[in-house]
Amino acid sequence: MPLDFTQNLVLENSRVRLRPLETADFEELKAIAFDPAIWQFTITRADDALSLAAYVTAAEQARQAGQRYPFVIIDRASGRLAGSTSYYTIDLDNQKLSIGYTWMGTDFQRTGLNRAAKHLLLGYAFDQLGCERVELETDSRNHKSQTAMRRMGATEEGTLRSHRVLQDGYRRDTVIFSILRPEWHELRRTTFAEYNV
């Protein structure tokens, strides 16, 4: 099934709700985005009003162009916006896509919210979009992100050297992880079992 970029896709489980990122989210995102530490290893940054507005605009434009599907992450316990994540590099002819552009406010990090969001995104990618492969990538210096990817069962495939330019001009090495369809069936039963209600 193709990904319909015009559809307002909403995904939720017991812990988190994902819905499309909208311009109207700007004010609530301001409350969590203005921490420079969140953006240390990211390609773009949104730690002030101007850069956050540019981030939201770019995300919406990428969705309209069929290049990226950005979501806001909502903590169901509090009802608060916790951050954002996206599908991107969507290549359904080859049954694969990437999950990334993920960031969360400091209060929501290490709470299990990210794993709950990944459960929804992986499930939709494999079960509804027919993916055989989902990729995740991170800065080689971002050990916290790499640890999180390993903990959720993704396989580290290697490092792409001098792969992406960050907002400060630094050329980062990118570590690539992946999950394949047969692996997802096992991870759903084990690593993500708490969300399979």
N, C-alpha and C. Protein backbone atom coordinates (compact mmCIF):
# COMPACT_ATOMS: atom_id res chain seq x y z
N MET A 1 0.84 -1.18 0.00
CA MET A 1 0.00 0.00 0.00
C MET A 1 0.89 1.24 0.00
N PRO A 2 0.65 2.20 -0.87
CA PRO A 2 1.47 3.42 -0.88
C PRO A 2 1.16 4.30 0.33
N LEU A 3 2.11 5.14 0.69
CA LEU A 3 1.90 6.10 1.77
C LEU A 3 1.23 7.33 1.18
N ASP A 4 0.04 7.65 1.67
CA ASP A 4 -0.73 8.79 1.19
C ASP A 4 -0.34 10.02 2.01
N PHE A 5 0.44 10.91 1.40
CA PHE A 5 0.92 12.08 2.11
C PHE A 5 -0.19 13.09 2.39
N THR A 6 -1.33 12.96 1.72
CA THR A 6 -2.45 13.87 1.97
C THR A 6 -3.32 13.38 3.12
N GLN A 7 -3.16 12.13 3.49
CA GLN A 7 -3.96 11.56 4.58
C GLN A 7 -3.40 12.00 5.93
N ASN A 8 -4.28 12.34 6.86
CA ASN A 8 -3.85 12.66 8.22
C ASN A 8 -3.75 11.37 9.01
N LEU A 9 -2.58 10.79 8.98
CA LEU A 9 -2.32 9.50 9.59
C LEU A 9 -2.12 9.67 11.10
N VAL A 10 -2.93 8.96 11.88
CA VAL A 10 -2.81 8.99 13.33
C VAL A 10 -2.55 7.57 13.81
N LEU A 11 -1.49 7.40 14.60
CA LEU A 11 -1.11 6.10 15.15
C LEU A 11 -1.06 6.24 16.67
N GLU A 12 -1.57 5.25 17.40
CA GLU A 12 -1.46 5.34 18.85
C GLU A 12 -1.46 3.97 19.50
N ASN A 13 -0.83 3.92 20.65
CA ASN A 13 -0.86 2.75 21.51
C ASN A 13 -1.10 3.24 22.93
N SER A 14 -0.87 2.41 23.91
CA SER A 14 -1.19 2.76 25.29
C SER A 14 -0.34 3.91 25.82
N ARG A 15 0.78 4.18 25.21
CA ARG A 15 1.75 5.14 25.75
C ARG A 15 1.84 6.45 24.97
N VAL A 16 1.65 6.36 23.65
CA VAL A 16 1.96 7.51 22.80
C VAL A 16 0.96 7.63 21.66
N ARG A 17 0.80 8.85 21.19
CA ARG A 17 -0.03 9.11 20.01
C ARG A 17 0.82 9.89 19.02
N LEU A 18 0.80 9.48 17.77
CA LEU A 18 1.49 10.19 16.70
C LEU A 18 0.44 10.74 15.75
N ARG A 19 0.58 12.01 15.42
CA ARG A 19 -0.28 12.62 14.41
C ARG A 19 0.57 13.57 13.58
N PRO A 20 0.08 13.98 12.40
CA PRO A 20 0.90 14.84 11.54
C PRO A 20 1.30 16.16 12.23
N LEU A 21 2.53 16.55 12.01
CA LEU A 21 3.03 17.85 12.48
C LEU A 21 2.30 18.95 11.72
N GLU A 22 1.87 20.00 12.44
CA GLU A 22 1.14 21.11 11.83
C GLU A 22 1.76 22.43 12.27
N THR A 23 1.53 23.47 11.50
CA THR A 23 2.01 24.81 11.85
C THR A 23 1.51 25.22 13.23
N ALA A 24 0.28 24.83 13.55
CA ALA A 24 -0.33 25.19 14.83
C ALA A 24 0.41 24.59 16.03
N ASP A 25 1.29 23.63 15.81
CA ASP A 25 2.05 23.01 16.90
C ASP A 25 3.22 23.88 17.37
N PHE A 26 3.50 24.94 16.64
CA PHE A 26 4.67 25.76 16.92
C PHE A 26 4.72 26.22 18.38
N GLU A 27 3.62 26.77 18.89
CA GLU A 27 3.63 27.33 20.25
C GLU A 27 3.93 26.26 21.29
N GLU A 28 3.30 25.09 21.16
CA GLU A 28 3.54 24.05 22.15
C GLU A 28 4.94 23.45 22.02
N LEU A 29 5.45 23.37 20.79
CA LEU A 29 6.81 22.84 20.61
C LEU A 29 7.86 23.78 21.20
N LYS A 30 7.56 25.08 21.23
CA LYS A 30 8.51 26.04 21.82
C LYS A 30 8.85 25.67 23.26
N ALA A 31 7.90 25.10 23.97
CA ALA A 31 8.10 24.78 25.38
C ALA A 31 9.15 23.69 25.60
N ILE A 32 9.41 22.89 24.56
CA ILE A 32 10.36 21.78 24.73
C ILE A 32 11.58 21.85 23.81
N ALA A 33 11.50 22.66 22.76
CA ALA A 33 12.55 22.62 21.72
C ALA A 33 13.76 23.50 22.03
N PHE A 34 13.61 24.48 22.92
CA PHE A 34 14.67 25.48 23.07
C PHE A 34 15.77 25.05 24.03
N ASP A 35 16.24 23.84 23.85
CA ASP A 35 17.36 23.29 24.62
C ASP A 35 18.43 22.89 23.62
N PRO A 36 19.54 23.62 23.54
CA PRO A 36 20.57 23.33 22.53
C PRO A 36 21.10 21.90 22.58
N ALA A 37 21.05 21.25 23.75
CA ALA A 37 21.58 19.89 23.88
C ALA A 37 20.80 18.91 23.01
N ILE A 38 19.51 19.18 22.79
CA ILE A 38 18.69 18.29 21.96
C ILE A 38 19.22 18.22 20.53
N TRP A 39 19.78 19.32 20.07
CA TRP A 39 20.14 19.48 18.65
C TRP A 39 21.63 19.28 18.39
N GLN A 40 22.36 18.78 19.38
CA GLN A 40 23.82 18.67 19.26
C GLN A 40 24.25 17.86 18.04
N PHE A 41 23.53 16.75 17.75
CA PHE A 41 23.96 15.86 16.68
C PHE A 41 23.00 15.85 15.48
N THR A 42 22.17 16.86 15.37
CA THR A 42 21.15 16.86 14.32
C THR A 42 21.60 17.65 13.09
N ILE A 43 20.98 17.32 11.97
CA ILE A 43 21.30 18.00 10.71
C ILE A 43 20.78 19.43 10.74
N THR A 44 19.58 19.59 11.28
CA THR A 44 19.01 20.92 11.46
C THR A 44 18.88 21.17 12.96
N ARG A 45 18.54 22.40 13.31
CA ARG A 45 18.29 22.68 14.72
C ARG A 45 17.06 23.57 14.84
N ALA A 46 16.47 23.56 16.04
CA ALA A 46 15.25 24.35 16.26
C ALA A 46 15.22 24.82 17.71
N ASP A 47 16.32 25.42 18.16
CA ASP A 47 16.42 25.79 19.56
C ASP A 47 16.17 27.27 19.82
N ASP A 48 15.56 27.95 18.84
CA ASP A 48 15.05 29.30 19.05
C ASP A 48 13.84 29.47 18.13
N ALA A 49 13.12 30.57 18.31
CA ALA A 49 11.85 30.74 17.58
C ALA A 49 12.05 30.72 16.07
N LEU A 50 13.09 31.37 15.59
CA LEU A 50 13.32 31.45 14.15
C LEU A 50 13.63 30.08 13.55
N SER A 51 14.53 29.34 14.19
CA SER A 51 14.91 28.03 13.64
C SER A 51 13.79 27.01 13.82
N LEU A 52 13.00 27.11 14.88
CA LEU A 52 11.86 26.20 15.05
C LEU A 52 10.81 26.46 13.98
N ALA A 53 10.55 27.72 13.69
CA ALA A 53 9.59 28.05 12.63
C ALA A 53 10.08 27.51 11.29
N ALA A 54 11.39 27.64 11.03
CA ALA A 54 11.95 27.12 9.78
C ALA A 54 11.86 25.60 9.74
N TYR A 55 12.08 24.94 10.89
CA TYR A 55 12.00 23.49 10.97
C TYR A 55 10.59 23.00 10.64
N VAL A 56 9.59 23.61 11.26
CA VAL A 56 8.19 23.22 11.02
C VAL A 56 7.81 23.46 9.56
N THR A 57 8.20 24.59 9.01
CA THR A 57 7.90 24.92 7.61
C THR A 57 8.55 23.92 6.68
N ALA A 58 9.82 23.60 6.91
CA ALA A 58 10.54 22.64 6.06
C ALA A 58 9.90 21.26 6.13
N ALA A 59 9.48 20.86 7.33
CA ALA A 59 8.84 19.55 7.48
C ALA A 59 7.53 19.49 6.72
N GLU A 60 6.74 20.54 6.79
CA GLU A 60 5.46 20.57 6.07
C GLU A 60 5.69 20.59 4.56
N GLN A 61 6.68 21.35 4.11
CA GLN A 61 6.99 21.39 2.68
C GLN A 61 7.46 20.04 2.17
N ALA A 62 8.26 19.34 2.98
CA ALA A 62 8.74 18.01 2.60
C ALA A 62 7.57 17.03 2.51
N ARG A 63 6.60 17.18 3.38
CA ARG A 63 5.41 16.32 3.30
C ARG A 63 4.63 16.62 2.02
N GLN A 64 4.43 17.89 1.72
CA GLN A 64 3.70 18.27 0.51
C GLN A 64 4.41 17.77 -0.75
N ALA A 65 5.73 17.67 -0.69
CA ALA A 65 6.52 17.20 -1.84
C ALA A 65 6.61 15.68 -1.88
N GLY A 66 6.04 15.00 -0.88
CA GLY A 66 6.09 13.54 -0.85
C GLY A 66 7.45 12.98 -0.50
N GLN A 67 8.24 13.75 0.26
CA GLN A 67 9.60 13.32 0.62
C GLN A 67 9.74 12.87 2.07
N ARG A 68 8.83 13.33 2.90
CA ARG A 68 8.94 13.07 4.35
C ARG A 68 7.55 13.17 4.96
N TYR A 69 7.27 12.30 5.92
CA TYR A 69 5.99 12.38 6.63
C TYR A 69 6.30 12.65 8.10
N PRO A 70 6.19 13.93 8.53
CA PRO A 70 6.55 14.29 9.91
C PRO A 70 5.36 14.16 10.87
N PHE A 71 5.65 13.64 12.06
CA PHE A 71 4.66 13.49 13.11
C PHE A 71 5.07 14.31 14.33
N VAL A 72 4.10 14.67 15.16
CA VAL A 72 4.40 15.08 16.53
C VAL A 72 4.19 13.86 17.42
N ILE A 73 4.99 13.79 18.47
CA ILE A 73 4.90 12.73 19.46
C ILE A 73 4.14 13.29 20.66
N ILE A 74 3.04 12.66 21.02
CA ILE A 74 2.22 13.12 22.14
C ILE A 74 2.26 12.08 23.25
N ASP A 75 2.64 12.52 24.43
CA ASP A 75 2.65 11.66 25.61
C ASP A 75 1.20 11.51 26.08
N ARG A 76 0.65 10.31 25.98
CA ARG A 76 -0.75 10.12 26.31
C ARG A 76 -1.04 10.33 27.79
N ALA A 77 -0.06 10.08 28.65
CA ALA A 77 -0.27 10.25 30.08
C ALA A 77 -0.53 11.70 30.46
N SER A 78 0.20 12.61 29.85
CA SER A 78 0.08 14.04 30.18
C SER A 78 -0.68 14.83 29.13
N GLY A 79 -0.79 14.29 27.91
CA GLY A 79 -1.40 15.01 26.81
C GLY A 79 -0.48 16.04 26.18
N ARG A 80 0.77 16.10 26.63
CA ARG A 80 1.71 17.10 26.14
C ARG A 80 2.43 16.63 24.88
N LEU A 81 2.78 17.60 24.02
CA LEU A 81 3.67 17.32 22.90
C LEU A 81 5.06 17.06 23.47
N ALA A 82 5.67 15.95 23.02
CA ALA A 82 6.97 15.55 23.56
C ALA A 82 8.10 15.74 22.56
N GLY A 83 7.78 15.87 21.27
CA GLY A 83 8.81 16.00 20.25
C GLY A 83 8.25 15.67 18.88
N SER A 84 9.12 15.20 17.99
CA SER A 84 8.72 14.92 16.62
C SER A 84 9.55 13.76 16.06
N THR A 85 8.99 13.09 15.07
CA THR A 85 9.67 12.01 14.37
C THR A 85 9.10 11.93 12.97
N SER A 86 9.76 11.23 12.06
CA SER A 86 9.32 11.21 10.66
C SER A 86 9.64 9.89 9.97
N TYR A 87 8.84 9.61 8.95
CA TYR A 87 9.24 8.69 7.89
C TYR A 87 9.96 9.53 6.84
N TYR A 88 11.04 9.02 6.26
CA TYR A 88 11.70 9.73 5.16
C TYR A 88 12.44 8.70 4.31
N THR A 89 13.09 9.16 3.24
CA THR A 89 13.73 8.28 2.26
C THR A 89 12.78 7.11 1.96
N ILE A 90 11.57 7.45 1.60
CA ILE A 90 10.51 6.46 1.40
C ILE A 90 10.62 5.90 -0.02
N ASP A 91 10.92 4.62 -0.11
CA ASP A 91 11.13 3.95 -1.39
C ASP A 91 10.32 2.65 -1.38
N LEU A 92 9.02 2.79 -1.58
CA LEU A 92 8.15 1.62 -1.47
C LEU A 92 8.25 0.71 -2.69
N ASP A 93 8.83 1.20 -3.79
CA ASP A 93 9.12 0.29 -4.91
C ASP A 93 10.09 -0.79 -4.46
N ASN A 94 11.00 -0.41 -3.58
CA ASN A 94 11.97 -1.37 -3.03
C ASN A 94 11.60 -1.79 -1.60
N GLN A 95 10.40 -1.47 -1.19
CA GLN A 95 9.83 -1.90 0.10
C GLN A 95 10.70 -1.51 1.28
N LYS A 96 11.13 -0.22 1.30
CA LYS A 96 11.94 0.24 2.41
C LYS A 96 11.71 1.73 2.67
N LEU A 97 12.00 2.13 3.87
CA LEU A 97 11.96 3.54 4.25
C LEU A 97 12.85 3.74 5.46
N SER A 98 13.00 5.00 5.87
CA SER A 98 13.78 5.34 7.05
C SER A 98 12.89 6.00 8.09
N ILE A 99 13.24 5.80 9.34
CA ILE A 99 12.61 6.51 10.45
C ILE A 99 13.69 7.40 11.06
N GLY A 100 13.38 8.68 11.20
CA GLY A 100 14.37 9.58 11.76
C GLY A 100 13.81 10.97 11.98
N TYR A 101 14.69 11.96 11.95
CA TYR A 101 14.32 13.33 12.33
C TYR A 101 13.65 13.29 13.70
N THR A 102 14.12 12.40 14.57
CA THR A 102 13.48 12.20 15.86
C THR A 102 14.17 13.05 16.92
N TRP A 103 13.38 13.81 17.64
CA TRP A 103 13.89 14.56 18.78
C TRP A 103 12.79 14.64 19.82
N MET A 104 13.21 14.71 21.07
CA MET A 104 12.27 14.78 22.18
C MET A 104 12.77 15.76 23.23
N GLY A 105 11.82 16.43 23.87
CA GLY A 105 12.17 17.31 24.98
C GLY A 105 12.86 16.53 26.08
N THR A 106 13.72 17.21 26.81
CA THR A 106 14.53 16.56 27.85
C THR A 106 13.67 15.80 28.85
N ASP A 107 12.53 16.35 29.23
CA ASP A 107 11.65 15.70 30.22
C ASP A 107 11.15 14.34 29.75
N PHE A 108 11.14 14.12 28.45
CA PHE A 108 10.55 12.90 27.90
C PHE A 108 11.60 11.87 27.48
N GLN A 109 12.87 12.25 27.55
CA GLN A 109 13.93 11.32 27.18
C GLN A 109 14.10 10.26 28.27
N ARG A 110 14.42 9.04 27.84
CA ARG A 110 14.62 7.91 28.75
C ARG A 110 13.38 7.57 29.58
N THR A 111 12.20 7.78 28.99
CA THR A 111 10.95 7.46 29.67
C THR A 111 10.22 6.29 29.00
N GLY A 112 10.76 5.78 27.88
CA GLY A 112 10.09 4.74 27.11
C GLY A 112 9.21 5.28 26.02
N LEU A 113 9.07 6.60 25.96
CA LEU A 113 8.19 7.21 24.96
C LEU A 113 8.73 7.01 23.54
N ASN A 114 10.04 7.12 23.38
CA ASN A 114 10.64 6.93 22.06
C ASN A 114 10.42 5.50 21.56
N ARG A 115 10.61 4.54 22.43
CA ARG A 115 10.40 3.14 22.02
C ARG A 115 8.93 2.91 21.65
N ALA A 116 8.01 3.50 22.40
CA ALA A 116 6.59 3.36 22.09
C ALA A 116 6.26 3.96 20.73
N ALA A 117 6.89 5.10 20.41
CA ALA A 117 6.68 5.73 19.11
C ALA A 117 7.27 4.87 17.99
N LYS A 118 8.46 4.32 18.22
CA LYS A 118 9.08 3.46 17.21
C LYS A 118 8.23 2.21 16.96
N HIS A 119 7.61 1.68 18.01
CA HIS A 119 6.72 0.53 17.85
C HIS A 119 5.62 0.85 16.83
N LEU A 120 5.01 2.01 16.96
CA LEU A 120 3.94 2.40 16.04
C LEU A 120 4.46 2.56 14.62
N LEU A 121 5.60 3.24 14.48
CA LEU A 121 6.14 3.50 13.15
C LEU A 121 6.60 2.22 12.46
N LEU A 122 7.24 1.34 13.22
CA LEU A 122 7.68 0.07 12.65
C LEU A 122 6.48 -0.79 12.26
N GLY A 123 5.50 -0.86 13.14
CA GLY A 123 4.31 -1.66 12.86
C GLY A 123 3.60 -1.20 11.60
N TYR A 124 3.44 0.11 11.44
CA TYR A 124 2.75 0.63 10.26
C TYR A 124 3.59 0.38 9.00
N ALA A 125 4.90 0.56 9.12
CA ALA A 125 5.78 0.36 7.96
C ALA A 125 5.73 -1.08 7.46
N PHE A 126 5.81 -2.02 8.38
CA PHE A 126 5.84 -3.43 7.98
C PHE A 126 4.44 -3.98 7.67
N ASP A 127 3.46 -3.63 8.48
CA ASP A 127 2.13 -4.25 8.36
C ASP A 127 1.22 -3.57 7.35
N GLN A 128 1.33 -2.25 7.21
CA GLN A 128 0.44 -1.52 6.32
C GLN A 128 1.11 -1.11 5.00
N LEU A 129 2.36 -0.70 5.09
CA LEU A 129 3.05 -0.22 3.88
C LEU A 129 3.80 -1.34 3.15
N GLY A 130 3.88 -2.51 3.77
CA GLY A 130 4.50 -3.65 3.12
C GLY A 130 6.01 -3.59 3.04
N CYS A 131 6.64 -2.87 3.96
CA CYS A 131 8.11 -2.76 3.94
C CYS A 131 8.77 -4.09 4.31
N GLU A 132 9.91 -4.32 3.70
CA GLU A 132 10.76 -5.44 4.05
C GLU A 132 11.95 -4.98 4.88
N ARG A 133 12.20 -3.66 4.88
CA ARG A 133 13.38 -3.11 5.55
C ARG A 133 13.06 -1.70 6.04
N VAL A 134 13.45 -1.42 7.28
CA VAL A 134 13.36 -0.07 7.83
C VAL A 134 14.75 0.33 8.32
N GLU A 135 15.20 1.50 7.91
CA GLU A 135 16.52 1.98 8.28
C GLU A 135 16.42 3.08 9.33
N LEU A 136 17.44 3.16 10.17
CA LEU A 136 17.61 4.23 11.13
C LEU A 136 19.07 4.66 11.06
N GLU A 137 19.33 5.93 11.23
CA GLU A 137 20.71 6.40 11.17
C GLU A 137 20.96 7.42 12.27
N THR A 138 22.22 7.54 12.66
CA THR A 138 22.57 8.51 13.69
C THR A 138 24.04 8.93 13.53
N ASP A 139 24.34 10.05 14.12
CA ASP A 139 25.71 10.56 14.15
C ASP A 139 26.59 9.54 14.89
N SER A 140 27.77 9.30 14.37
CA SER A 140 28.68 8.32 15.00
C SER A 140 29.09 8.75 16.40
N ARG A 141 28.97 10.02 16.73
CA ARG A 141 29.32 10.51 18.08
C ARG A 141 28.15 10.39 19.06
N ASN A 142 26.95 10.10 18.54
CA ASN A 142 25.76 10.06 19.38
C ASN A 142 25.58 8.65 19.95
N HIS A 143 26.35 8.35 20.97
CA HIS A 143 26.35 7.01 21.56
C HIS A 143 25.02 6.68 22.24
N LYS A 144 24.33 7.68 22.78
CA LYS A 144 23.04 7.46 23.43
C LYS A 144 22.01 6.95 22.42
N SER A 145 22.01 7.57 21.24
CA SER A 145 21.09 7.14 20.19
C SER A 145 21.43 5.73 19.69
N GLN A 146 22.70 5.45 19.52
CA GLN A 146 23.11 4.11 19.07
C GLN A 146 22.71 3.04 20.08
N THR A 147 22.90 3.34 21.36
CA THR A 147 22.50 2.39 22.40
C THR A 147 21.01 2.13 22.35
N ALA A 148 20.22 3.19 22.15
CA ALA A 148 18.76 3.04 22.08
C ALA A 148 18.36 2.17 20.89
N MET A 149 19.02 2.35 19.76
CA MET A 149 18.70 1.55 18.57
C MET A 149 19.04 0.08 18.79
N ARG A 150 20.17 -0.18 19.42
CA ARG A 150 20.54 -1.57 19.72
C ARG A 150 19.55 -2.20 20.69
N ARG A 151 19.14 -1.43 21.70
CA ARG A 151 18.21 -1.96 22.72
C ARG A 151 16.86 -2.32 22.11
N MET A 152 16.47 -1.62 21.06
CA MET A 152 15.17 -1.95 20.48
C MET A 152 15.30 -3.03 19.40
N GLY A 153 16.50 -3.57 19.23
CA GLY A 153 16.68 -4.73 18.37
C GLY A 153 17.15 -4.45 16.96
N ALA A 154 17.51 -3.19 16.67
CA ALA A 154 18.03 -2.87 15.34
C ALA A 154 19.45 -3.40 15.19
N THR A 155 19.82 -3.77 13.97
CA THR A 155 21.15 -4.30 13.67
C THR A 155 22.03 -3.20 13.10
N GLU A 156 23.20 -3.02 13.70
CA GLU A 156 24.16 -2.05 13.17
C GLU A 156 24.80 -2.62 11.91
N GLU A 157 24.74 -1.85 10.82
CA GLU A 157 25.25 -2.34 9.54
C GLU A 157 26.59 -1.75 9.16
N GLY A 158 26.90 -0.59 9.68
CA GLY A 158 28.18 0.01 9.33
C GLY A 158 28.13 1.53 9.42
N THR A 159 29.22 2.15 9.01
CA THR A 159 29.36 3.60 9.10
C THR A 159 29.63 4.19 7.73
N LEU A 160 28.86 5.21 7.37
CA LEU A 160 29.08 5.96 6.14
C LEU A 160 29.93 7.18 6.50
N ARG A 161 31.11 7.24 5.97
CA ARG A 161 32.06 8.29 6.34
C ARG A 161 31.72 9.61 5.65
N SER A 162 31.90 10.70 6.40
CA SER A 162 31.69 12.05 5.88
C SER A 162 30.36 12.13 5.13
N HIS A 163 29.31 11.67 5.76
CA HIS A 163 28.04 11.38 5.09
C HIS A 163 27.08 12.55 5.01
N ARG A 164 26.98 13.33 6.08
CA ARG A 164 26.02 14.43 6.11
C ARG A 164 26.65 15.68 6.72
N VAL A 165 26.17 16.83 6.26
CA VAL A 165 26.63 18.11 6.80
C VAL A 165 25.64 18.58 7.85
N LEU A 166 26.13 18.89 9.05
CA LEU A 166 25.28 19.38 10.11
C LEU A 166 25.10 20.89 10.00
N GLN A 167 24.21 21.42 10.85
CA GLN A 167 23.87 22.84 10.77
C GLN A 167 25.07 23.75 11.05
N ASP A 168 26.10 23.23 11.73
CA ASP A 168 27.28 24.04 12.03
C ASP A 168 28.40 23.84 11.01
N GLY A 169 28.10 23.08 9.92
CA GLY A 169 29.09 22.85 8.87
C GLY A 169 29.93 21.61 9.07
N TYR A 170 29.81 20.95 10.22
CA TYR A 170 30.57 19.73 10.50
C TYR A 170 30.08 18.59 9.62
N ARG A 171 30.99 17.84 9.02
CA ARG A 171 30.63 16.67 8.22
C ARG A 171 30.67 15.44 9.11
N ARG A 172 29.50 14.87 9.35
CA ARG A 172 29.43 13.75 10.28
C ARG A 172 29.59 12.41 9.58
N ASP A 173 30.10 11.44 10.32
CA ASP A 173 30.01 10.04 9.94
C ASP A 173 28.67 9.53 10.45
N THR A 174 27.97 8.75 9.64
CA THR A 174 26.64 8.26 9.99
C THR A 174 26.66 6.76 10.21
N VAL A 175 26.15 6.32 11.36
CA VAL A 175 26.02 4.89 11.65
C VAL A 175 24.62 4.45 11.21
N ILE A 176 24.57 3.40 10.39
CA ILE A 176 23.31 2.89 9.84
C ILE A 176 22.88 1.64 10.60
N PHE A 177 21.61 1.63 11.00
CA PHE A 177 20.98 0.47 11.61
C PHE A 177 19.78 0.07 10.75
N SER A 178 19.34 -1.18 10.90
CA SER A 178 18.15 -1.61 10.17
C SER A 178 17.40 -2.67 10.95
N ILE A 179 16.12 -2.80 10.59
CA ILE A 179 15.27 -3.90 11.05
C ILE A 179 14.60 -4.46 9.81
N LEU A 180 14.63 -5.79 9.66
CA LEU A 180 14.00 -6.47 8.53
C LEU A 180 12.69 -7.10 8.98
N ARG A 181 11.82 -7.35 8.00
CA ARG A 181 10.49 -7.87 8.32
C ARG A 181 10.52 -9.11 9.23
N PRO A 182 11.32 -10.16 8.93
CA PRO A 182 11.32 -11.33 9.82
C PRO A 182 11.76 -10.99 11.24
N GLU A 183 12.69 -10.03 11.36
CA GLU A 183 13.15 -9.59 12.68
C GLU A 183 12.04 -8.86 13.43
N TRP A 184 11.25 -8.08 12.69
CA TRP A 184 10.16 -7.33 13.31
C TRP A 184 9.15 -8.26 13.97
N HIS A 185 8.84 -9.38 13.34
CA HIS A 185 7.88 -10.31 13.91
C HIS A 185 8.35 -10.81 15.28
N GLU A 186 9.66 -11.05 15.42
CA GLU A 186 10.21 -11.49 16.71
C GLU A 186 10.27 -10.33 17.70
N LEU A 187 10.70 -9.16 17.24
CA LEU A 187 10.80 -8.00 18.13
C LEU A 187 9.44 -7.58 18.66
N ARG A 188 8.42 -7.69 17.84
CA ARG A 188 7.07 -7.35 18.26
C ARG A 188 6.64 -8.24 19.44
N ARG A 189 7.08 -9.49 19.40
CA ARG A 189 6.70 -10.46 20.43
C ARG A 189 7.53 -10.32 21.70
N THR A 190 8.71 -9.72 21.58
CA THR A 190 9.63 -9.65 22.73
C THR A 190 9.87 -8.20 23.16
N THR A 191 10.71 -7.50 22.41
CA THR A 191 11.11 -6.14 22.78
C THR A 191 9.92 -5.19 22.91
N PHE A 192 8.95 -5.32 22.03
CA PHE A 192 7.82 -4.39 22.00
C PHE A 192 6.53 -5.01 22.52
N ALA A 193 6.63 -6.12 23.25
CA ALA A 193 5.46 -6.88 23.66
C ALA A 193 4.46 -6.06 24.46
N GLU A 194 4.93 -5.13 25.26
CA GLU A 194 4.03 -4.36 26.14
C GLU A 194 3.04 -3.50 25.35
N TYR A 195 3.34 -3.20 24.08
CA TYR A 195 2.45 -2.36 23.29
C TYR A 195 1.51 -3.17 22.42
N ASN A 196 1.69 -4.47 22.37
CA ASN A 196 0.86 -5.32 21.51
C ASN A 196 -0.38 -5.77 22.27
N VAL A 197 -1.24 -4.82 22.55
CA VAL A 197 -2.46 -5.14 23.29
C VAL A 197 -3.64 -5.22 22.33
